[in-house]
Amino acid sequence: MNKDKYPVVLSIAGSDSGGGAGIQADIKTISALGCYSTTVITAITAQNTLGVNNIYAIPSEFVGAQMTAVINDIPPSAIKIGVIYLKESAEIITSILKQYTEIPVVFDPVMISTSGANLMKSNSLSAFKNLLFPLTTLLTPNLDEAGLIAGMKVNNLAAMHTAASHIIDLGCNAVLIKGGHLKGNDLYDVYLDRDGRQRVFKSKAIQSNNTHGTGCTLSSAIASYLALGDDLLLAIEKGKDYVHQAIEQGESIRIGKGIGPLNHFFNPIK
């Protein structure tokens, strides 16, 4: 690989002190897929496999300072966005992204943790919709997040298609609604883009206790494959395959007392 073209992925997200999600999952994923990871930390959480105990938002000015420092010296080939706790941080991130519209952006709109902790201020969603969505190459909400964004209940395949249409109308280039919380042996993710292309990704569910950070891992994997030069649909396919393997290969590992992490490096811990 040409050293001047080494793929860099910038992750803008929160820190997970338990190491399974957020910035930590992103760094592991990006590194495992052969890219170089840079980071902008938007919030610090006190959490473990049992849930989020507390969250501290990084001041928005410092979020912008991190982002400017990194991009000026180590330009990213792709950007992944996760937790943005403050509306003001969303505004600053938007102002910087507008200067780099050629860089693909994968936005995983993390709003509420699995344990029920709020990971954004109540006024942040409007900033996401009005500011960040138009700059987003791919939005990757889960069922609950898609429901909040689209203003409807999303609990089956038909509703996923309807919600995807509503979300595209908000200005995103493309959306992938993740159906990992659907019941059944088969899982479905629904893709729709601004050009009207639709696709349903089907996969087999893996019965595992180790699924913490799945959404973070998928979005950073997609961003990594985009940085490596794949087109969007291929990046999604490869990203989903990577996550499937990371869950499958980490199925028997026991880390913590709650929902454990994926095995990002496919190397079980003895």
Protein backbone atom coordinates (compact mmCIF):
# COMPACT_ATOMS: atom_id res chain seq x y z
CA MET A 1 0.00 0.00 0.00
CA ASN A 2 1.27 3.48 -0.83
CA LYS A 3 2.34 5.01 2.48
CA ASP A 4 0.93 8.36 1.39
CA LYS A 5 -2.50 6.78 0.94
CA TYR A 6 -2.71 4.81 4.19
CA PRO A 7 -6.42 4.72 5.08
CA VAL A 8 -7.33 6.78 8.14
CA VAL A 9 -10.70 6.58 9.91
CA LEU A 10 -11.68 9.30 12.36
CA SER A 11 -14.06 8.20 15.10
CA ILE A 12 -16.10 10.94 16.79
CA ALA A 13 -17.77 9.22 19.72
CA GLY A 14 -17.96 8.63 23.46
CA SER A 15 -15.57 6.66 25.62
CA ASP A 16 -16.70 3.35 27.15
CA SER A 17 -14.68 2.63 30.29
CA GLY A 18 -15.65 -1.05 29.96
CA GLY A 19 -13.93 -1.18 26.57
CA GLY A 20 -16.72 -2.90 24.66
CA ALA A 21 -18.39 -0.03 22.80
CA GLY A 22 -17.80 3.58 21.79
CA ILE A 23 -14.33 4.85 20.96
CA GLN A 24 -12.73 1.67 22.29
CA ALA A 25 -14.74 -0.60 20.00
CA ASP A 26 -14.09 1.75 17.10
CA ILE A 27 -10.32 1.73 17.58
CA LYS A 28 -10.29 -2.08 17.77
CA THR A 29 -12.45 -2.43 14.66
CA ILE A 30 -10.59 0.14 12.57
CA SER A 31 -7.25 -1.39 13.54
CA ALA A 32 -8.40 -4.96 12.91
CA LEU A 33 -9.47 -3.98 9.40
CA GLY A 34 -6.13 -2.45 8.47
CA CYS A 35 -6.82 1.24 8.89
CA TYR A 36 -5.34 3.88 11.20
CA SER A 37 -7.69 5.22 13.87
CA THR A 38 -7.85 8.79 15.07
CA THR A 39 -10.40 9.96 17.63
CA VAL A 40 -12.49 12.83 18.91
CA ILE A 41 -14.03 12.06 22.29
CA THR A 42 -17.42 13.71 22.81
CA ALA A 43 -18.30 12.21 26.20
CA ILE A 44 -16.82 10.01 28.90
CA THR A 45 -18.96 7.29 30.42
CA ALA A 46 -18.55 5.37 33.63
CA GLN A 47 -19.82 1.99 32.47
CA ASN A 48 -19.19 -1.73 32.44
CA THR A 49 -20.94 -4.79 31.04
CA LEU A 50 -23.87 -4.18 33.40
CA GLY A 51 -24.71 -0.71 32.12
CA VAL A 52 -23.90 3.01 32.12
CA ASN A 53 -23.53 4.48 35.61
CA ASN A 54 -22.71 8.05 34.64
CA ILE A 55 -21.80 10.25 31.70
CA TYR A 56 -19.73 13.41 31.43
CA ALA A 57 -20.01 15.51 28.29
CA ILE A 58 -16.77 16.94 26.90
CA PRO A 59 -17.20 20.72 26.43
CA SER A 60 -18.21 21.40 22.85
CA GLU A 61 -15.31 23.80 22.23
CA PHE A 62 -12.87 21.04 23.11
CA VAL A 63 -14.69 18.60 20.82
CA GLY A 64 -14.06 21.07 18.00
CA ALA A 65 -10.44 21.55 19.06
CA GLN A 66 -9.80 17.80 18.92
CA MET A 67 -11.41 17.52 15.52
CA THR A 68 -9.49 20.44 14.01
CA ALA A 69 -6.16 19.23 15.42
CA VAL A 70 -6.59 15.74 14.01
CA ILE A 71 -7.92 16.66 10.57
CA ASN A 72 -5.27 19.35 10.00
CA ASP A 73 -2.46 16.85 10.53
CA ILE A 74 -3.95 13.42 9.75
CA PRO A 75 -6.69 13.83 7.13
CA PRO A 76 -9.26 11.01 7.38
CA SER A 77 -10.35 8.85 4.47
CA ALA A 78 -13.68 8.29 6.25
CA ILE A 79 -15.41 9.48 9.41
CA LYS A 80 -17.56 7.55 11.86
CA ILE A 81 -19.80 9.43 14.29
CA GLY A 82 -21.32 7.87 17.40
CA VAL A 83 -22.49 9.51 20.62
CA ILE A 84 -22.90 13.29 20.48
CA TYR A 85 -24.27 14.31 23.86
CA LEU A 86 -24.58 18.09 23.44
CA LYS A 87 -26.44 20.03 20.75
CA GLU A 88 -23.56 22.52 20.74
CA SER A 89 -21.13 19.72 19.91
CA ALA A 90 -23.32 18.73 16.96
CA GLU A 91 -23.19 22.33 15.77
CA ILE A 92 -19.40 22.52 15.96
CA ILE A 93 -18.94 19.12 14.30
CA THR A 94 -21.26 20.24 11.50
CA SER A 95 -19.34 23.47 10.91
CA ILE A 96 -16.11 21.50 10.48
CA LEU A 97 -17.63 18.73 8.35
CA LYS A 98 -18.94 21.33 5.91
CA GLN A 99 -15.32 22.04 5.00
CA TYR A 100 -14.72 18.39 4.04
CA THR A 101 -17.79 17.25 2.16
CA GLU A 102 -15.73 14.83 0.04
CA ILE A 103 -15.09 12.60 3.09
CA PRO A 104 -17.73 9.87 3.61
CA VAL A 105 -19.48 10.02 6.98
CA VAL A 106 -21.12 7.05 8.72
CA PHE A 107 -23.34 8.27 11.56
CA ASP A 108 -24.54 5.80 14.19
CA PRO A 109 -27.07 7.96 16.10
CA VAL A 110 -26.61 6.46 19.58
CA MET A 111 -29.29 7.98 21.80
CA ILE A 112 -30.07 5.57 24.64
CA SER A 113 -27.87 2.79 26.01
CA THR A 114 -29.13 -0.77 26.30
CA SER A 115 -29.38 -0.22 30.06
CA GLY A 116 -31.61 2.82 29.50
CA ALA A 117 -29.15 5.69 30.07
CA ASN A 118 -29.68 8.83 27.97
CA LEU A 119 -26.66 9.38 25.73
CA MET A 120 -27.79 12.72 24.32
CA LYS A 121 -29.52 15.84 25.60
CA SER A 122 -33.19 16.11 24.67
CA ASN A 123 -32.53 19.01 22.27
CA SER A 124 -29.79 17.17 20.37
CA LEU A 125 -32.10 15.21 18.06
CA SER A 126 -33.29 18.32 16.24
CA ALA A 127 -29.66 19.29 15.67
CA PHE A 128 -28.96 15.83 14.27
CA LYS A 129 -31.85 16.10 11.83
CA ASN A 130 -31.28 19.68 10.72
CA LEU A 131 -27.49 19.81 10.70
CA LEU A 132 -25.80 16.42 10.55
CA PHE A 133 -28.19 14.28 8.53
CA PRO A 134 -27.66 16.27 5.30
CA LEU A 135 -23.90 15.69 5.64
CA THR A 136 -24.25 11.97 6.38
CA THR A 137 -23.33 9.37 3.78
CA LEU A 138 -24.96 6.56 5.78
CA LEU A 139 -27.11 6.66 8.91
CA THR A 140 -27.23 3.40 10.92
CA PRO A 141 -30.00 3.56 13.56
CA ASN A 142 -31.33 0.54 15.42
CA LEU A 143 -35.09 -0.01 15.72
CA ASP A 144 -35.56 2.29 18.73
CA GLU A 145 -33.42 5.03 17.23
CA ALA A 146 -35.21 4.78 13.88
CA GLY A 147 -38.50 5.09 15.73
CA LEU A 148 -37.40 8.25 17.53
CA ILE A 149 -36.09 9.80 14.33
CA ALA A 150 -39.10 8.86 12.18
CA GLY A 151 -41.67 9.51 14.92
CA MET A 152 -43.26 6.08 14.77
CA LYS A 153 -43.05 2.60 16.27
CA VAL A 154 -40.60 0.37 14.41
CA ASN A 155 -40.97 -3.28 15.39
CA ASN A 156 -41.29 -5.24 12.15
CA LEU A 157 -39.96 -5.35 8.59
CA ALA A 158 -42.81 -3.32 7.10
CA ALA A 159 -42.32 -0.56 9.66
CA MET A 160 -38.58 -0.55 8.96
CA HIS A 161 -39.27 0.20 5.28
CA THR A 162 -41.69 3.02 6.18
CA ALA A 163 -39.27 4.53 8.70
CA ALA A 164 -36.43 4.37 6.17
CA SER A 165 -38.49 6.46 3.74
CA HIS A 166 -39.23 9.05 6.44
CA ILE A 167 -35.56 9.25 7.38
CA ILE A 168 -34.40 9.71 3.78
CA ASP A 169 -36.84 12.61 3.54
CA LEU A 170 -34.84 14.31 6.32
CA GLY A 171 -31.90 14.67 3.94
CA CYS A 172 -29.63 11.66 4.49
CA ASN A 173 -27.89 10.15 1.51
CA ALA A 174 -28.67 6.62 2.75
CA VAL A 175 -29.98 4.80 5.81
CA LEU A 176 -29.47 1.29 7.13
CA ILE A 177 -32.02 0.40 9.82
CA LYS A 178 -30.61 -2.42 11.92
CA GLY A 179 -33.07 -5.13 12.92
CA GLY A 180 -30.91 -6.88 15.49
CA HIS A 181 -33.61 -6.53 18.15
CA LEU A 182 -36.26 -8.29 16.08
CA LYS A 183 -37.37 -11.63 17.48
CA GLY A 184 -36.71 -14.79 15.50
CA ASN A 185 -33.90 -16.82 13.99
CA ASP A 186 -33.48 -14.49 11.03
CA LEU A 187 -32.33 -10.88 11.28
CA TYR A 188 -33.12 -8.18 8.74
CA ASP A 189 -31.46 -4.82 8.06
CA VAL A 190 -33.22 -2.43 5.69
CA TYR A 191 -31.24 -0.17 3.36
CA LEU A 192 -32.62 2.77 1.38
CA ASP A 193 -30.83 5.62 -0.34
CA ARG A 194 -31.74 8.93 -1.92
CA ASP A 195 -31.70 7.40 -5.40
CA GLY A 196 -34.42 4.94 -4.40
CA ARG A 197 -32.19 1.87 -4.19
CA GLN A 198 -33.54 -0.57 -1.63
CA ARG A 199 -32.04 -3.69 -0.16
CA VAL A 200 -32.82 -6.05 2.70
CA PHE A 201 -29.83 -7.74 4.30
CA LYS A 202 -30.75 -11.08 5.87
CA SER A 203 -28.59 -12.99 8.34
CA LYS A 204 -28.91 -15.73 10.93
CA ALA A 205 -29.14 -14.68 14.57
CA ILE A 206 -26.33 -15.85 16.83
CA GLN A 207 -27.38 -16.74 20.36
CA SER A 208 -24.65 -15.02 22.34
CA ASN A 209 -24.38 -13.03 25.55
CA ASN A 210 -21.54 -11.04 24.01
CA THR A 211 -23.14 -8.37 21.84
CA HIS A 212 -22.15 -5.15 23.61
CA GLY A 213 -20.91 -2.61 21.07
CA THR A 214 -22.41 -4.27 18.00
CA GLY A 215 -23.73 -1.01 16.54
CA CYS A 216 -20.48 0.87 17.18
CA THR A 217 -18.53 -1.96 15.60
CA LEU A 218 -20.72 -2.13 12.50
CA SER A 219 -20.60 1.60 11.80
CA SER A 220 -16.83 1.80 12.27
CA ALA A 221 -16.37 -1.31 10.11
CA ILE A 222 -18.41 0.26 7.30
CA ALA A 223 -16.38 3.47 7.61
CA SER A 224 -13.18 1.41 7.46
CA TYR A 225 -14.22 -0.36 4.27
CA LEU A 226 -15.18 2.98 2.73
CA ALA A 227 -11.71 4.26 3.67
CA LEU A 228 -10.24 1.20 1.96
CA GLY A 229 -12.03 2.15 -1.27
CA ASP A 230 -15.16 0.00 -1.32
CA ASP A 231 -18.47 1.43 -2.48
CA LEU A 232 -21.22 1.86 0.09
CA LEU A 233 -23.21 -1.34 -0.45
CA LEU A 234 -20.07 -3.47 -0.52
CA ALA A 235 -18.79 -1.74 2.62
CA ILE A 236 -22.08 -2.59 4.34
CA GLU A 237 -21.85 -6.24 3.25
CA LYS A 238 -18.28 -6.55 4.47
CA GLY A 239 -19.05 -4.67 7.67
CA LYS A 240 -21.94 -6.96 8.49
CA ASP A 241 -19.80 -10.03 7.81
CA TYR A 242 -17.07 -8.70 10.11
CA VAL A 243 -19.56 -8.10 12.93
CA HIS A 244 -21.08 -11.57 12.44
CA GLN A 245 -17.64 -13.13 12.80
CA ALA A 246 -16.75 -10.97 15.79
CA ILE A 247 -19.91 -12.12 17.59
CA GLU A 248 -19.48 -15.74 16.55
CA GLN A 249 -15.81 -15.88 17.55
CA GLY A 250 -16.49 -14.20 20.90
CA GLU A 251 -19.51 -16.30 21.82
CA SER A 252 -17.74 -18.43 24.46
CA ILE A 253 -15.62 -15.68 26.04
CA ARG A 254 -16.64 -14.42 29.47
CA ILE A 255 -15.79 -10.78 30.24
CA GLY A 256 -17.71 -9.06 33.02
CA LYS A 257 -20.96 -10.01 34.70
CA GLY A 258 -23.36 -8.58 32.12
CA ILE A 259 -23.50 -8.23 28.32
CA GLY A 260 -19.97 -8.92 27.12
CA PRO A 261 -18.11 -7.41 24.14
CA LEU A 262 -17.51 -8.80 20.68
CA ASN A 263 -14.17 -10.41 19.84
CA HIS A 264 -12.86 -7.76 17.48
CA PHE A 265 -9.61 -9.56 16.74
CA PHE A 266 -11.08 -13.07 16.47
CA ASN A 267 -8.55 -14.26 19.04
CA PRO A 268 -10.30 -15.73 22.11
CA ILE A 269 -8.87 -14.68 25.43
CA LYS A 270 -7.62 -17.70 27.40
